Amino acid sequence: MTSFPLTGPRSGLNRRGFLAAGSALGLLLPLGMARAESGAPVKGGVFNLGMAGGSTDNSLDPRAFTQQVQRVIGVAVCNQLVEVLPDGTLAPELAESWDSTDAITWVLKIRSGVTFHNGKTLDATDVVYSVNLHRGEDTTSGAKSLFNTISDIQVTAPDEVTVVLDSANAEFMRVFADYHAMIVPDGFTDWPNLTGSGGYRLVSFDPGVRAVLERNPDYWKSDRAHVDQVVIHVINDGTSRLAALQSGMIDVINQVDRKVVPFIRDNPKLELVRSPGAVHWTFICAADKEPTSNNHIRQALMYGCDRQAMLDLVMGGLGSLGNDHPISPDSPYYNADLPQRLFDPERAQFHLKAAGMEDFSIDLYTSEAALPEAIDLSMVYAAKAGPAGLKINVQRRPADGYWNDAWMKQPFAVSSWLNRPIDQTFSLIYGTGSSWNESYWSNERFDALLAEGKAALDFDRRKEIYGEMQAILHNEGPSAIPVFADFLDAKSVRVKGFEPSNVADLSGDRIIERIWLEG
């Protein structure tokens, strides 16, 4: 049986991270993967980061974070209470330690000697204010469902915060690693000029275009924040992003198209950085709209999805098959007893007939905003679905504005999700009333199991509960989830200290404070 220690500073070793690290050692090096550097970090230089995942409607209010450019800026300018290291370990950041005897009441010791960029000294009031941004019925935070499990939060000493939950949660501290959970000064509201205690100060931010950061000379982490200046260039087009890296204008790019992996591998000036199994795509079947409110239609779309073709043709085999729930095969909670759903045109046609829609056509909204492969995955889906009686019309939308204009608004659309703790995954995407329940799906049994699973301190019981929840999603859920994929970044060989992470690409979003430049 696996135990879940409830005390800090380092708790909750994630076996998925361990397995992912092992996978990286076995699979990445033959592809020209970057190896760990043993040299001492070098200070100085300008780091140019070319990124997909930004748009003109981006805000630096952490409550509104949805895209990676926002997240990367956020953790460079701000700190969080905890940090997930590349191996999946939960480590202290602004919370020096934490303790709980019942997984309901948590006492956090706040780090001393930390100063915000505006000169204010960090104390417990800043933490309470920052957490409360994401709580309450009126909050606009995407993490509302995570933080509304807090029934009370109080300053109990200048350097101490006490949090009381509405029910036990053995993995609660991982909530503070959510990318919305930035710590800002008490009362801060000037979001275009985001201020934190991180390794870099914000100099300028032009949403969807560019951001400039400069090193914080008073940063409390002596082993981080090595480069003097960072320039983030938003380059959503994959071909342009790769060209900028090849030209030397850019030092690192994210979201590498799998079709160009051979070109990177064969270039002695470049290296590939692969983060195994860190993302999955959902083909959302909105439960509040016709025709996808009908579970027979949803099941037809799942059986009519040739996921093996997607894995082979689009992912180049760099990933694993999904089973229409969001838990990947390398998770310790994965339900291996659930039969793997495969492409089955006859079963799809059975469900269409049961729905009275044997002549079926539907628009699928897709965009590179949901990572570059979303377009090709959608095209393969449509091309292979004909024998299942499905006519899927791919509606490609520009990355700029996709999350506001199509996501959570159309009956059938694509999204993508990062690796998160299992209770967060279930809560955010499928919990009734969650701000990011993208399908508006609701299931009473699922919600009851979610509450029970969070409170269960015994691993075997938690696995049993989460296994049943996977089965509910597989049989009644709103999402076709065909593949789990590895994140691919690429870098110049002069970039050192870049470690892959099972949290996300770009070293779990924390690339800016971790890397240094040589040459």
Protein backbone atom coordinates (compact mmCIF):
# COMPACT_ATOMS: atom_id res chain seq x y z
CA MET A 1 0.00 0.00 0.00
CA THR A 2 1.22 3.50 -0.86
CA SER A 3 1.13 6.07 1.92
CA PHE A 4 0.49 9.80 1.48
CA PRO A 5 2.60 11.82 3.91
CA LEU A 6 0.87 14.96 5.04
CA THR A 7 3.87 16.99 6.17
CA GLY A 8 6.38 19.17 4.30
CA PRO A 9 8.74 20.26 3.08
CA ARG A 10 8.81 17.52 0.42
CA SER A 11 5.76 15.32 0.23
CA GLY A 12 3.66 13.35 -2.21
CA LEU A 13 6.26 11.66 -4.42
CA ASN A 14 4.44 11.12 -7.68
CA ARG A 15 4.99 7.66 -9.17
CA ARG A 16 3.87 8.97 -12.53
CA GLY A 17 6.87 11.30 -12.43
CA PHE A 18 9.15 8.39 -11.58
CA LEU A 19 7.80 6.30 -14.43
CA ALA A 20 7.99 9.21 -16.83
CA ALA A 21 11.60 9.82 -15.90
CA GLY A 22 12.38 6.17 -16.54
CA SER A 23 10.62 6.37 -19.89
CA ALA A 24 12.69 9.41 -20.80
CA LEU A 25 15.94 7.60 -20.09
CA GLY A 26 14.89 4.64 -22.18
CA LEU A 27 13.33 6.41 -25.15
CA LEU A 28 14.63 9.92 -25.57
CA LEU A 29 18.34 9.62 -25.94
CA PRO A 30 18.15 7.79 -29.29
CA LEU A 31 16.12 10.76 -30.59
CA GLY A 32 18.85 13.25 -29.75
CA MET A 33 17.33 14.30 -26.46
CA ALA A 34 19.14 16.90 -24.40
CA ARG A 35 21.18 15.33 -21.61
CA ALA A 36 21.51 16.78 -18.12
CA GLU A 37 24.37 19.25 -17.72
CA SER A 38 26.89 18.85 -14.94
CA GLY A 39 28.61 22.24 -15.25
CA ALA A 40 28.01 25.16 -12.94
CA PRO A 41 25.38 27.68 -14.10
CA VAL A 42 26.66 30.76 -15.93
CA LYS A 43 25.21 34.18 -15.18
CA GLY A 44 24.31 36.74 -17.83
CA GLY A 45 23.00 36.98 -21.38
CA VAL A 46 19.68 37.49 -23.12
CA PHE A 47 17.38 34.50 -23.48
CA ASN A 48 14.99 34.54 -26.46
CA LEU A 49 12.04 32.20 -26.07
CA GLY A 50 9.76 31.53 -29.06
CA MET A 51 6.34 30.38 -27.91
CA ALA A 52 3.05 29.13 -29.20
CA GLY A 53 0.24 29.59 -26.72
CA GLY A 54 -0.41 33.32 -26.65
CA SER A 55 -3.14 35.59 -27.99
CA THR A 56 -4.14 39.24 -28.00
CA ASP A 57 -6.78 38.68 -25.33
CA ASN A 58 -4.30 37.33 -22.76
CA SER A 59 -4.37 38.90 -19.31
CA LEU A 60 -1.79 38.68 -16.53
CA ASP A 61 -4.50 38.36 -13.90
CA PRO A 62 -3.77 34.84 -12.60
CA ARG A 63 -7.49 34.14 -12.35
CA ALA A 64 -7.66 34.41 -16.15
CA PHE A 65 -4.66 32.24 -17.02
CA THR A 66 -5.51 29.76 -19.78
CA GLN A 67 -2.54 29.71 -22.16
CA GLN A 68 1.11 28.86 -21.75
CA VAL A 69 2.53 32.33 -22.40
CA GLN A 70 0.54 33.57 -19.39
CA ARG A 71 1.70 30.66 -17.25
CA VAL A 72 5.38 31.03 -18.16
CA ILE A 73 5.33 34.75 -17.40
CA GLY A 74 3.41 34.08 -14.20
CA VAL A 75 5.94 31.70 -12.64
CA ALA A 76 8.86 33.85 -13.76
CA VAL A 77 7.45 37.02 -12.15
CA CYS A 78 5.71 35.38 -9.18
CA ASN A 79 6.35 32.51 -6.81
CA GLN A 80 3.87 29.94 -5.59
CA LEU A 81 3.53 28.29 -2.22
CA VAL A 82 4.89 25.01 -3.61
CA GLU A 83 6.74 23.85 -6.69
CA VAL A 84 6.50 20.55 -8.55
CA LEU A 85 10.04 19.51 -9.46
CA PRO A 86 10.80 17.71 -12.75
CA ASP A 87 10.71 14.32 -10.98
CA GLY A 88 7.17 14.98 -9.71
CA THR A 89 8.24 15.76 -6.12
CA LEU A 90 6.35 18.52 -4.32
CA ALA A 91 8.88 21.00 -2.91
CA PRO A 92 8.60 24.17 -0.80
CA GLU A 93 8.56 27.55 -2.44
CA LEU A 94 6.96 30.37 -0.42
CA ALA A 95 5.55 27.81 2.00
CA GLU A 96 8.64 26.70 3.89
CA SER A 97 6.79 23.77 5.42
CA TRP A 98 3.28 22.45 6.05
CA ASP A 99 1.59 20.06 8.41
CA SER A 100 -1.74 18.31 8.84
CA THR A 101 -2.84 15.51 11.15
CA ASP A 102 -6.25 14.89 9.56
CA ALA A 103 -5.96 16.19 5.95
CA ILE A 104 -8.62 18.80 6.82
CA THR A 105 -6.72 21.45 8.81
CA TRP A 106 -3.41 22.49 7.26
CA VAL A 107 -0.87 24.81 8.89
CA LEU A 108 1.56 26.52 6.52
CA LYS A 109 4.79 28.18 7.59
CA ILE A 110 5.52 31.13 5.27
CA ARG A 111 9.08 31.78 4.18
CA SER A 112 10.85 34.79 5.73
CA GLY A 113 13.27 37.13 3.97
CA VAL A 114 11.31 37.36 0.71
CA THR A 115 10.63 40.75 -0.88
CA PHE A 116 8.19 41.60 -3.65
CA HIS A 117 9.36 43.67 -6.61
CA ASN A 118 7.52 46.69 -5.19
CA GLY A 119 9.57 46.49 -1.97
CA LYS A 120 6.93 44.92 0.27
CA THR A 121 8.10 42.08 2.53
CA LEU A 122 6.17 38.84 2.13
CA ASP A 123 3.96 37.85 5.05
CA ALA A 124 0.91 35.71 5.70
CA THR A 125 -1.56 38.44 4.66
CA ASP A 126 -0.24 38.28 1.08
CA VAL A 127 -0.87 34.55 1.00
CA VAL A 128 -4.44 34.84 2.29
CA TYR A 129 -5.23 37.62 -0.19
CA SER A 130 -3.77 35.66 -3.12
CA VAL A 131 -5.65 32.49 -2.25
CA ASN A 132 -8.92 34.36 -1.78
CA LEU A 133 -8.71 35.66 -5.35
CA HIS A 134 -9.76 32.17 -6.39
CA ARG A 135 -12.47 31.60 -3.76
CA GLY A 136 -16.10 32.56 -3.41
CA GLU A 137 -19.12 32.58 -5.68
CA ASP A 138 -18.09 35.81 -7.41
CA THR A 139 -14.54 34.83 -8.37
CA THR A 140 -13.77 34.60 -12.07
CA SER A 141 -10.91 32.16 -11.50
CA GLY A 142 -10.56 29.04 -13.61
CA ALA A 143 -9.42 27.33 -10.39
CA LYS A 144 -12.58 28.22 -8.47
CA SER A 145 -13.60 24.59 -8.00
CA LEU A 146 -10.20 23.75 -6.50
CA PHE A 147 -10.10 26.63 -4.02
CA ASN A 148 -13.74 26.55 -3.02
CA THR A 149 -12.98 23.38 -1.11
CA ILE A 150 -11.39 25.74 1.46
CA SER A 151 -14.01 26.54 4.09
CA ASP A 152 -11.74 28.93 6.00
CA ILE A 153 -8.30 30.50 5.68
CA GLN A 154 -6.78 32.70 8.38
CA VAL A 155 -3.55 34.47 9.30
CA THR A 156 -2.63 32.74 12.57
CA ALA A 157 0.80 34.41 12.92
CA PRO A 158 2.79 36.87 10.79
CA ASP A 159 4.47 33.90 9.12
CA GLU A 160 1.69 31.33 9.47
CA VAL A 161 -1.51 30.55 7.56
CA THR A 162 -4.08 28.00 8.69
CA VAL A 163 -6.37 26.47 6.07
CA VAL A 164 -9.48 24.44 6.88
CA LEU A 165 -11.06 22.31 4.16
CA ASP A 166 -14.68 21.28 3.86
CA SER A 167 -13.54 17.64 3.75
CA ALA A 168 -10.30 15.68 3.97
CA ASN A 169 -7.92 15.81 0.99
CA ALA A 170 -4.63 13.94 1.31
CA GLU A 171 -3.15 15.71 -1.73
CA PHE A 172 -4.43 19.18 -0.92
CA MET A 173 -1.03 20.93 -1.03
CA ARG A 174 -0.81 20.18 -4.75
CA VAL A 175 -3.65 22.64 -5.27
CA PHE A 176 -1.13 25.40 -4.60
CA ALA A 177 0.92 24.21 -7.59
CA ASP A 178 -1.97 24.98 -9.94
CA TYR A 179 -0.87 27.58 -12.45
CA HIS A 180 -3.46 30.09 -11.27
CA ALA A 181 -2.07 30.08 -7.72
CA MET A 182 0.42 32.94 -7.95
CA ILE A 183 1.29 34.87 -4.78
CA VAL A 184 1.02 38.66 -5.14
CA PRO A 185 1.13 41.49 -2.59
CA ASP A 186 -1.91 42.02 -0.39
CA GLY A 187 -4.45 44.19 -2.22
CA PHE A 188 -2.64 44.06 -5.58
CA THR A 189 -4.87 44.67 -8.65
CA ASP A 190 -2.59 46.23 -11.31
CA TRP A 191 -2.56 43.09 -13.47
CA PRO A 192 -1.04 44.60 -16.68
CA ASN A 193 2.01 45.33 -14.50
CA LEU A 194 2.09 42.01 -12.66
CA THR A 195 4.26 42.16 -9.54
CA GLY A 196 5.52 39.20 -7.57
CA SER A 197 8.56 37.91 -5.72
CA GLY A 198 9.95 35.81 -8.57
CA GLY A 199 13.30 35.76 -10.30
CA TYR A 200 12.24 38.26 -12.98
CA ARG A 201 10.52 41.64 -13.07
CA LEU A 202 8.04 42.42 -15.81
CA VAL A 203 9.34 45.20 -18.08
CA SER A 204 6.67 45.11 -20.79
CA PHE A 205 3.84 42.92 -22.02
CA ASP A 206 2.18 43.21 -25.44
CA PRO A 207 -0.45 40.43 -25.41
CA GLY A 208 -0.13 37.98 -28.26
CA VAL A 209 3.12 39.61 -29.43
CA ARG A 210 5.96 39.99 -26.95
CA ALA A 211 7.00 40.23 -23.32
CA VAL A 212 10.26 41.46 -21.80
CA LEU A 213 11.53 40.45 -18.36
CA GLU A 214 14.66 41.45 -16.46
CA ARG A 215 16.43 39.56 -13.69
CA ASN A 216 15.53 40.42 -10.10
CA PRO A 217 18.90 41.14 -8.43
CA ASP A 218 17.40 40.53 -4.98
CA TYR A 219 15.91 37.13 -5.77
CA TRP A 220 15.87 34.89 -2.71
CA LYS A 221 16.78 31.74 -4.71
CA SER A 222 20.54 31.94 -5.20
CA ASP A 223 20.59 28.92 -7.52
CA ARG A 224 17.97 30.21 -9.97
CA ALA A 225 17.41 33.12 -12.40
CA HIS A 226 20.69 33.10 -14.29
CA VAL A 227 20.11 35.16 -17.47
CA ASP A 228 19.95 38.95 -17.30
CA GLN A 229 17.02 39.44 -19.65
CA VAL A 230 14.28 37.34 -21.21
CA VAL A 231 12.37 38.18 -24.36
CA ILE A 232 9.29 36.07 -25.07
CA HIS A 233 8.24 36.13 -28.73
CA VAL A 234 4.73 34.83 -29.42
CA ILE A 235 5.03 32.80 -32.64
CA ASN A 236 1.94 30.64 -32.97
CA ASP A 237 2.81 29.33 -36.42
CA GLY A 238 4.91 26.16 -36.05
CA THR A 239 6.90 26.60 -39.25
CA SER A 240 7.87 30.16 -38.34
CA ARG A 241 8.79 29.06 -34.81
CA LEU A 242 11.15 26.36 -36.10
CA ALA A 243 12.70 28.74 -38.65
CA ALA A 244 13.41 31.26 -35.90
CA LEU A 245 15.17 28.55 -33.86
CA GLN A 246 17.20 27.35 -36.84
CA SER A 247 18.27 30.90 -37.66
CA GLY A 248 19.62 31.48 -34.14
CA MET A 249 17.17 34.31 -33.45
CA ILE A 250 15.43 32.13 -30.85
CA ASP A 251 17.07 29.92 -28.21
CA VAL A 252 14.13 27.63 -27.31
CA ILE A 253 10.76 26.82 -28.87
CA ASN A 254 7.80 24.88 -27.50
CA GLN A 255 5.19 22.69 -29.20
CA VAL A 256 7.47 21.13 -31.80
CA ASP A 257 5.56 19.49 -34.65
CA ARG A 258 6.38 15.78 -34.69
CA LYS A 259 6.90 15.90 -38.46
CA VAL A 260 10.02 18.03 -38.02
CA VAL A 261 11.71 15.89 -35.34
CA PRO A 262 14.20 14.41 -37.89
CA PHE A 263 15.34 17.90 -38.89
CA ILE A 264 16.06 18.81 -35.29
CA ARG A 265 17.76 15.50 -34.58
CA ASP A 266 20.07 15.93 -37.60
CA ASN A 267 21.06 19.51 -36.74
CA PRO A 268 24.18 19.54 -34.51
CA LYS A 269 23.25 22.99 -33.18
CA LEU A 270 19.88 21.87 -31.85
CA GLU A 271 18.53 19.38 -29.33
CA LEU A 272 15.08 17.93 -28.69
CA VAL A 273 13.59 17.99 -25.17
CA ARG A 274 10.80 15.47 -24.63
CA SER A 275 8.42 15.39 -21.66
CA PRO A 276 6.63 12.02 -21.73
CA GLY A 277 2.87 11.65 -21.49
CA ALA A 278 2.16 15.18 -20.31
CA VAL A 279 -0.87 16.12 -22.43
CA HIS A 280 -4.12 14.74 -23.71
CA TRP A 281 -6.64 16.09 -26.18
CA THR A 282 -10.38 15.98 -25.62
CA PHE A 283 -12.94 15.98 -28.39
CA ILE A 284 -15.65 17.63 -26.33
CA CYS A 285 -19.25 16.49 -26.78
CA ALA A 286 -21.27 19.21 -25.07
CA ALA A 287 -23.81 17.67 -22.73
CA ASP A 288 -25.98 20.80 -22.80
CA LYS A 289 -26.37 20.99 -26.59
CA GLU A 290 -27.95 18.90 -29.33
CA PRO A 291 -27.10 16.42 -30.67
CA THR A 292 -24.24 15.64 -28.27
CA SER A 293 -26.46 15.71 -25.18
CA ASN A 294 -27.50 12.20 -26.29
CA ASN A 295 -25.11 9.60 -24.86
CA HIS A 296 -25.68 7.32 -27.87
CA ILE A 297 -24.25 10.09 -30.08
CA ARG A 298 -21.29 10.52 -27.74
CA GLN A 299 -20.64 6.77 -27.76
CA ALA A 300 -20.89 6.70 -31.57
CA LEU A 301 -18.28 9.45 -31.78
CA MET A 302 -16.01 7.50 -29.43
CA TYR A 303 -16.34 4.19 -31.32
CA GLY A 304 -15.96 6.06 -34.61
CA CYS A 305 -12.58 7.50 -33.56
CA ASP A 306 -9.60 5.63 -35.04
CA ARG A 307 -7.22 6.42 -32.19
CA GLN A 308 -4.52 4.04 -33.38
CA ALA A 309 -4.35 5.93 -36.67
CA MET A 310 -4.04 9.18 -34.73
CA LEU A 311 -1.20 7.80 -32.63
CA ASP A 312 0.64 6.41 -35.66
CA LEU A 313 0.01 9.10 -38.26
CA VAL A 314 -0.01 12.27 -36.18
CA MET A 315 2.02 11.42 -33.08
CA GLY A 316 4.60 9.24 -34.78
CA GLY A 317 4.09 6.73 -31.98
CA LEU A 318 5.29 9.25 -29.35
CA GLY A 319 2.52 8.63 -26.85
CA SER A 320 -0.10 6.06 -25.87
CA LEU A 321 -3.74 5.27 -26.58
CA GLY A 322 -6.43 7.00 -24.58
CA ASN A 323 -9.57 5.26 -23.35
CA ASP A 324 -12.03 8.16 -23.20
CA HIS A 325 -11.11 9.23 -19.71
CA PRO A 326 -8.28 11.59 -18.67
CA ILE A 327 -6.06 9.17 -16.70
CA SER A 328 -2.99 8.00 -18.61
CA PRO A 329 -1.63 4.43 -18.52
CA ASP A 330 1.41 5.43 -16.45
CA SER A 331 -0.73 6.74 -13.57
CA PRO A 332 -0.80 4.60 -10.41
CA TYR A 333 -4.59 5.14 -10.46
CA TYR A 334 -5.09 3.88 -14.02
CA ASN A 335 -7.96 1.39 -14.38
CA ALA A 336 -6.29 -1.40 -16.34
CA ASP A 337 -9.40 -3.59 -16.06
CA LEU A 338 -11.38 -1.27 -18.31
CA PRO A 339 -11.40 -2.66 -21.89
CA GLN A 340 -9.47 -0.52 -24.34
CA ARG A 341 -11.93 1.10 -26.75
CA LEU A 342 -10.82 0.70 -30.35
CA PHE A 343 -12.19 1.82 -33.71
CA ASP A 344 -15.44 -0.13 -34.15
CA PRO A 345 -17.66 1.13 -37.02
CA GLU A 346 -20.40 -1.41 -36.28
CA ARG A 347 -20.71 -0.33 -32.65
CA ALA A 348 -20.76 3.31 -33.76
CA GLN A 349 -23.59 2.59 -36.21
CA PHE A 350 -25.49 0.72 -33.48
CA HIS A 351 -25.43 3.82 -31.27
CA LEU A 352 -26.43 6.10 -34.16
CA LYS A 353 -29.42 3.87 -34.87
CA ALA A 354 -30.36 3.87 -31.17
CA ALA A 355 -30.30 7.67 -31.28
CA GLY A 356 -32.44 7.72 -34.42
CA MET A 357 -29.68 9.50 -36.36
CA GLU A 358 -28.37 7.02 -38.89
CA ASP A 359 -27.70 9.88 -41.34
CA PHE A 360 -25.37 11.84 -39.07
CA SER A 361 -23.28 14.95 -39.73
CA ILE A 362 -21.56 17.24 -37.24
CA ASP A 363 -19.13 20.18 -37.30
CA LEU A 364 -15.89 19.73 -35.34
CA TYR A 365 -14.27 22.99 -34.23
CA THR A 366 -10.51 22.82 -33.95
CA SER A 367 -7.47 25.11 -33.73
CA GLU A 368 -3.74 25.15 -33.16
CA ALA A 369 -4.63 26.93 -29.93
CA ALA A 370 -5.21 23.41 -28.57
CA LEU A 371 -1.59 22.55 -29.52
CA PRO A 372 -0.32 22.14 -33.11
CA GLU A 373 -1.43 18.52 -33.50
CA ALA A 374 -5.09 19.40 -32.92
CA ILE A 375 -5.61 20.20 -36.60
CA ASP A 376 -4.09 16.95 -37.88
CA LEU A 377 -5.86 14.89 -35.21
CA SER A 378 -9.15 16.40 -36.33
CA MET A 379 -8.42 15.69 -39.98
CA VAL A 380 -7.54 12.05 -39.30
CA TYR A 381 -10.67 11.72 -37.15
CA ALA A 382 -12.84 12.99 -40.01
CA ALA A 383 -11.06 10.96 -42.70
CA LYS A 384 -11.41 7.66 -40.84
CA ALA A 385 -14.95 8.11 -39.46
CA GLY A 386 -16.89 7.48 -42.70
CA PRO A 387 -17.29 3.69 -42.28
CA ALA A 388 -18.80 4.37 -38.84
CA GLY A 389 -21.61 6.40 -40.43
CA LEU A 390 -20.15 9.68 -39.18
CA LYS A 391 -19.69 12.72 -41.39
CA ILE A 392 -17.38 15.02 -39.46
CA ASN A 393 -16.90 18.48 -40.94
CA VAL A 394 -13.67 20.03 -39.68
CA GLN A 395 -14.05 23.73 -38.88
CA ARG A 396 -10.58 25.20 -38.42
CA ARG A 397 -10.41 28.35 -36.34
CA PRO A 398 -7.49 30.76 -35.74
CA ALA A 399 -5.54 30.37 -32.52
CA ASP A 400 -6.23 33.97 -31.54
CA GLY A 401 -9.52 33.98 -29.69
CA TYR A 402 -10.32 30.24 -30.00
CA TRP A 403 -10.74 29.78 -26.26
CA ASN A 404 -13.25 32.62 -26.12
CA ASP A 405 -15.10 31.99 -29.39
CA ALA A 406 -15.35 28.20 -29.80
CA TRP A 407 -14.32 26.36 -26.61
CA MET A 408 -17.28 25.68 -24.32
CA LYS A 409 -19.59 27.21 -26.94
CA GLN A 410 -19.86 24.63 -29.73
CA PRO A 411 -21.39 21.14 -29.48
CA PHE A 412 -18.23 19.43 -30.76
CA ALA A 413 -14.79 21.00 -30.28
CA VAL A 414 -11.19 20.22 -29.37
CA SER A 415 -9.27 21.13 -26.25
CA SER A 416 -6.09 19.97 -24.56
CA TRP A 417 -5.15 19.39 -20.93
CA LEU A 418 -1.91 19.13 -19.00
CA ASN A 419 -0.98 16.45 -16.51
CA ARG A 420 -2.52 17.31 -13.10
CA PRO A 421 -3.12 15.46 -9.83
CA ILE A 422 -6.02 13.10 -10.40
CA ASP A 423 -8.49 14.80 -8.08
CA GLN A 424 -7.81 18.14 -9.78
CA THR A 425 -8.29 16.59 -13.22
CA PHE A 426 -11.65 15.15 -12.27
CA SER A 427 -12.75 18.29 -10.37
CA LEU A 428 -11.81 20.86 -13.00
CA ILE A 429 -12.95 19.10 -16.17
CA TYR A 430 -15.90 16.99 -15.03
CA GLY A 431 -17.08 18.19 -11.61
CA THR A 432 -20.58 19.64 -11.62
CA GLY A 433 -20.44 23.42 -11.57
CA SER A 434 -16.70 23.72 -12.26
CA SER A 435 -15.78 26.85 -14.22
CA TRP A 436 -13.82 24.68 -16.62
CA ASN A 437 -16.30 21.83 -16.99
CA GLU A 438 -15.96 22.28 -20.73
CA SER A 439 -18.83 19.94 -21.66
CA TYR A 440 -21.31 21.06 -18.95
CA TRP A 441 -21.65 17.35 -18.12
CA SER A 442 -23.02 16.38 -14.71
CA ASN A 443 -23.25 12.99 -13.03
CA GLU A 444 -24.45 12.57 -9.45
CA ARG A 445 -22.57 9.32 -8.84
CA PHE A 446 -19.37 10.79 -10.26
CA ASP A 447 -19.59 13.82 -7.96
CA ALA A 448 -20.18 11.62 -4.91
CA LEU A 449 -17.17 9.46 -5.76
CA LEU A 450 -15.04 12.57 -6.31
CA ALA A 451 -15.73 13.76 -2.77
CA GLU A 452 -15.12 10.28 -1.37
CA GLY A 453 -11.86 9.84 -3.27
CA LYS A 454 -10.40 13.11 -2.02
CA ALA A 455 -11.11 12.16 1.57
CA ALA A 456 -9.80 8.59 1.35
CA LEU A 457 -6.32 8.33 2.92
CA ASP A 458 -5.86 4.67 1.95
CA PHE A 459 -4.29 4.33 -1.51
CA ASP A 460 -6.06 1.09 -2.44
CA ARG A 461 -9.45 2.60 -1.63
CA ARG A 462 -8.61 5.74 -3.61
CA LYS A 463 -7.59 3.62 -6.59
CA GLU A 464 -10.86 1.68 -6.43
CA ILE A 465 -12.88 4.91 -6.32
CA TYR A 466 -10.95 6.58 -9.12
CA GLY A 467 -11.20 3.39 -11.17
CA GLU A 468 -15.00 3.53 -11.01
CA MET A 469 -14.91 7.20 -12.04
CA GLN A 470 -12.86 6.29 -15.11
CA ALA A 471 -15.47 3.67 -16.00
CA ILE A 472 -18.29 6.22 -15.68
CA LEU A 473 -16.49 8.58 -18.06
CA HIS A 474 -15.72 5.73 -20.46
CA ASN A 475 -19.37 4.64 -20.64
CA GLU A 476 -21.35 7.83 -20.03
CA GLY A 477 -18.87 10.70 -20.25
CA PRO A 478 -18.65 13.68 -22.59
CA SER A 479 -15.16 13.39 -24.04
CA ALA A 480 -13.54 11.28 -26.71
CA ILE A 481 -9.91 11.07 -25.52
CA PRO A 482 -7.96 9.18 -28.17
CA VAL A 483 -4.31 9.69 -27.23
CA PHE A 484 -1.88 10.80 -24.55
CA ALA A 485 1.11 12.53 -26.07
CA ASP A 486 4.60 13.59 -25.17
CA PHE A 487 5.42 17.28 -25.18
CA LEU A 488 8.29 18.24 -27.49
CA ASP A 489 10.44 21.34 -27.09
CA ALA A 490 13.61 22.18 -28.98
CA LYS A 491 16.62 24.22 -27.94
CA SER A 492 19.95 25.56 -29.03
CA VAL A 493 22.87 23.55 -27.64
CA ARG A 494 24.03 26.68 -25.81
CA VAL A 495 20.98 26.49 -23.53
CA LYS A 496 21.84 24.51 -20.40
CA GLY A 497 19.87 23.40 -17.36
CA PHE A 498 16.71 22.59 -19.35
CA GLU A 499 15.10 19.58 -17.66
CA PRO A 500 12.01 17.81 -19.03
CA SER A 501 9.04 17.69 -16.68
CA ASN A 502 5.96 15.49 -16.48
CA VAL A 503 3.93 18.59 -15.51
CA ALA A 504 4.17 20.39 -18.86
CA ASP A 505 6.57 21.37 -21.60
CA LEU A 506 9.17 24.12 -21.08
CA SER A 507 10.33 22.41 -17.88
CA GLY A 508 6.85 22.49 -16.40
CA ASP A 509 6.53 26.19 -17.42
CA ARG A 510 9.55 27.08 -15.23
CA ILE A 511 12.20 27.21 -17.92
CA ILE A 512 13.00 30.91 -17.45
CA GLU A 513 14.40 30.66 -13.92
CA ARG A 514 16.08 27.26 -14.47
CA ILE A 515 18.19 27.63 -17.61
CA TRP A 516 21.46 29.41 -18.36
CA LEU A 517 23.37 30.21 -21.54
CA GLU A 518 26.86 29.19 -22.62
CA GLY A 519 28.88 30.40 -25.56
